[in-house]
Amino acid sequence: MKWSTLERIKGHDARENAIEGAGQQMTSAGEFSADHSLGYHSGEITKAEALACKACGKKIQLHKTSVASACPKFQGTRFRKSH
C-alpha cells in the first residue's frame, strides 16, 4: 500500500502528539521531572531543553517534548542537562 503525503503527515503528527501527551502525563504523575539528576539516555522522553552528550560534549537543543535520539556526532547515548 502506498501512503499519500497527507497520510504520512497525519501519521507523523499523531505520533508527535502521542509523545507530547505521554510526557505531560508522566510529569503530572511524578514519574518524570525537569530535574533529571542522573542524566538522560537516548530513547527516553525528555521535555524541551538543551542537552549535552556526555561522551563528546556536543550540545543538542530540543524544542519540544520528544524522544532523545543518539548524539549525531559519535552516536553517544548518555546526556546531561546543558545551558
C-alpha atoms as a PDB file:
ATOM      1  CA  MET A   1       0.000   0.000   0.000  1.00  0.00           C
ATOM      2  CA  LYS A   2       1.386   3.388  -0.949  1.00  0.00           C
ATOM      3  CA  TRP A   3       0.737   6.225   1.506  1.00  0.00           C
ATOM      4  CA  SER A   4      -0.110   9.698   0.286  1.00  0.00           C
ATOM      5  CA  THR A   5       1.891  12.657   1.560  1.00  0.00           C
ATOM      6  CA  LEU A   6      -1.105  13.846   3.587  1.00  0.00           C
ATOM      7  CA  GLU A   7      -1.494  10.410   5.215  1.00  0.00           C
ATOM      8  CA  ARG A   8       2.226  10.377   6.138  1.00  0.00           C
ATOM      9  CA  ILE A   9       1.980  13.896   7.634  1.00  0.00           C
ATOM     10  CA  LYS A  10      -1.112  12.968   9.641  1.00  0.00           C
ATOM     11  CA  GLY A  11       0.644   9.850  10.980  1.00  0.00           C
ATOM     12  CA  HIS A  12       3.725  11.889  11.947  1.00  0.00           C
ATOM     13  CA  ASP A  13       1.555  14.480  13.730  1.00  0.00           C
ATOM     14  CA  ALA A  14      -0.302  11.742  15.596  1.00  0.00           C
ATOM     15  CA  ARG A  15       2.987  10.221  16.825  1.00  0.00           C
ATOM     16  CA  GLU A  16       4.276  13.640  17.936  1.00  0.00           C
ATOM     17  CA  ASN A  17       1.012  14.339  19.779  1.00  0.00           C
ATOM     18  CA  ALA A  18       1.194  10.934  21.489  1.00  0.00           C
ATOM     19  CA  ILE A  19       4.776  11.591  22.680  1.00  0.00           C
ATOM     20  CA  GLU A  20       3.826  15.068  23.922  1.00  0.00           C
ATOM     21  CA  GLY A  21       0.793  13.683  25.765  1.00  0.00           C
ATOM     22  CA  ALA A  22       2.799  10.861  27.348  1.00  0.00           C
ATOM     23  CA  GLY A  23       5.404  13.341  28.591  1.00  0.00           C
ATOM     24  CA  GLN A  24       2.730  15.547  30.135  1.00  0.00           C
ATOM     25  CA  GLN A  25       1.048  12.577  31.842  1.00  0.00           C
ATOM     26  CA  MET A  26       4.362  11.302  33.216  1.00  0.00           C
ATOM     27  CA  THR A  27       5.225  14.768  34.554  1.00  0.00           C
ATOM     28  CA  SER A  28       1.856  15.194  36.269  1.00  0.00           C
ATOM     29  CA  ALA A  29       2.091  11.673  37.745  1.00  0.00           C
ATOM     30  CA  GLY A  30       5.528  12.464  39.198  1.00  0.00           C
ATOM     31  CA  GLU A  31       7.297   9.842  37.063  1.00  0.00           C
ATOM     32  CA  PHE A  32       9.199  12.417  35.066  1.00  0.00           C
ATOM     33  CA  SER A  33      10.579  15.722  36.216  1.00  0.00           C
ATOM     34  CA  ALA A  34      12.620  18.595  34.887  1.00  0.00           C
ATOM     35  CA  ASP A  35      15.376  17.736  37.394  1.00  0.00           C
ATOM     36  CA  HIS A  36      16.657  14.519  35.901  1.00  0.00           C
ATOM     37  CA  SER A  37      19.752  14.425  38.144  1.00  0.00           C
ATOM     38  CA  LEU A  38      21.267  11.226  36.729  1.00  0.00           C
ATOM     39  CA  GLY A  39      21.109  12.470  33.156  1.00  0.00           C
ATOM     40  CA  TYR A  40      19.303  11.170  30.119  1.00  0.00           C
ATOM     41  CA  HIS A  41      19.734   8.255  27.743  1.00  0.00           C
ATOM     42  CA  SER A  42      18.746   8.054  24.097  1.00  0.00           C
ATOM     43  CA  GLY A  43      15.269   6.575  23.768  1.00  0.00           C
ATOM     44  CA  GLU A  44      13.925   8.394  26.836  1.00  0.00           C
ATOM     45  CA  ILE A  45      11.217  11.029  26.644  1.00  0.00           C
ATOM     46  CA  THR A  46      12.519  14.454  27.595  1.00  0.00           C
ATOM     47  CA  LYS A  47      10.966  17.898  27.648  1.00  0.00           C
ATOM     48  CA  ALA A  48      12.164  20.859  25.592  1.00  0.00           C
ATOM     49  CA  GLU A  49      15.644  21.784  26.822  1.00  0.00           C
ATOM     50  CA  ALA A  50      19.325  21.753  25.923  1.00  0.00           C
ATOM     51  CA  LEU A  51      21.256  18.516  26.408  1.00  0.00           C
ATOM     52  CA  ALA A  52      24.973  17.789  26.047  1.00  0.00           C
ATOM     53  CA  CYS A  53      26.432  14.429  25.066  1.00  0.00           C
ATOM     54  CA  LYS A  54      28.467  13.018  27.964  1.00  0.00           C
ATOM     55  CA  ALA A  55      30.910  11.391  25.515  1.00  0.00           C
ATOM     56  CA  CYS A  56      31.814  14.321  23.265  1.00  0.00           C
ATOM     57  CA  GLY A  57      30.078  17.392  24.739  1.00  0.00           C
ATOM     58  CA  LYS A  58      28.024  18.190  21.613  1.00  0.00           C
ATOM     59  CA  LYS A  59      25.012  20.308  22.581  1.00  0.00           C
ATOM     60  CA  ILE A  60      21.571  19.369  21.303  1.00  0.00           C
ATOM     61  CA  GLN A  61      18.571  21.686  21.644  1.00  0.00           C
ATOM     62  CA  LEU A  62      15.173  20.003  21.917  1.00  0.00           C
ATOM     63  CA  HIS A  63      12.373  22.436  21.082  1.00  0.00           C
ATOM     64  CA  LYS A  64       9.505  20.318  22.413  1.00  0.00           C
ATOM     65  CA  THR A  65       8.856  17.160  24.393  1.00  0.00           C
ATOM     66  CA  SER A  66      10.335  14.332  22.361  1.00  0.00           C
ATOM     67  CA  VAL A  67      12.294  11.097  22.456  1.00  0.00           C
ATOM     68  CA  ALA A  68      16.023  11.765  22.828  1.00  0.00           C
ATOM     69  CA  SER A  69      17.972  10.219  19.962  1.00  0.00           C
ATOM     70  CA  ALA A  70      21.639   9.247  19.871  1.00  0.00           C
ATOM     71  CA  CYS A  71      24.224  12.021  19.541  1.00  0.00           C
ATOM     72  CA  PRO A  72      24.590  12.957  15.869  1.00  0.00           C
ATOM     73  CA  LYS A  73      28.367  13.378  16.217  1.00  0.00           C
ATOM     74  CA  PHE A  74      29.513   9.999  17.603  1.00  0.00           C
ATOM     75  CA  GLN A  75      26.228   8.194  18.408  1.00  0.00           C
ATOM     76  CA  GLY A  76      26.620   8.712  22.173  1.00  0.00           C
ATOM     77  CA  THR A  77      23.616   7.599  24.194  1.00  0.00           C
ATOM     78  CA  ARG A  78      24.124   9.437  27.511  1.00  0.00           C
ATOM     79  CA  PHE A  79      23.324  13.114  28.017  1.00  0.00           C
ATOM     80  CA  ARG A  80      23.350  15.732  30.743  1.00  0.00           C
ATOM     81  CA  LYS A  81      21.344  18.932  31.022  1.00  0.00           C
ATOM     82  CA  SER A  82      23.111  21.856  29.344  1.00  0.00           C
ATOM     83  CA  HIS A  83      22.620  25.622  29.493  1.00  0.00           C
END
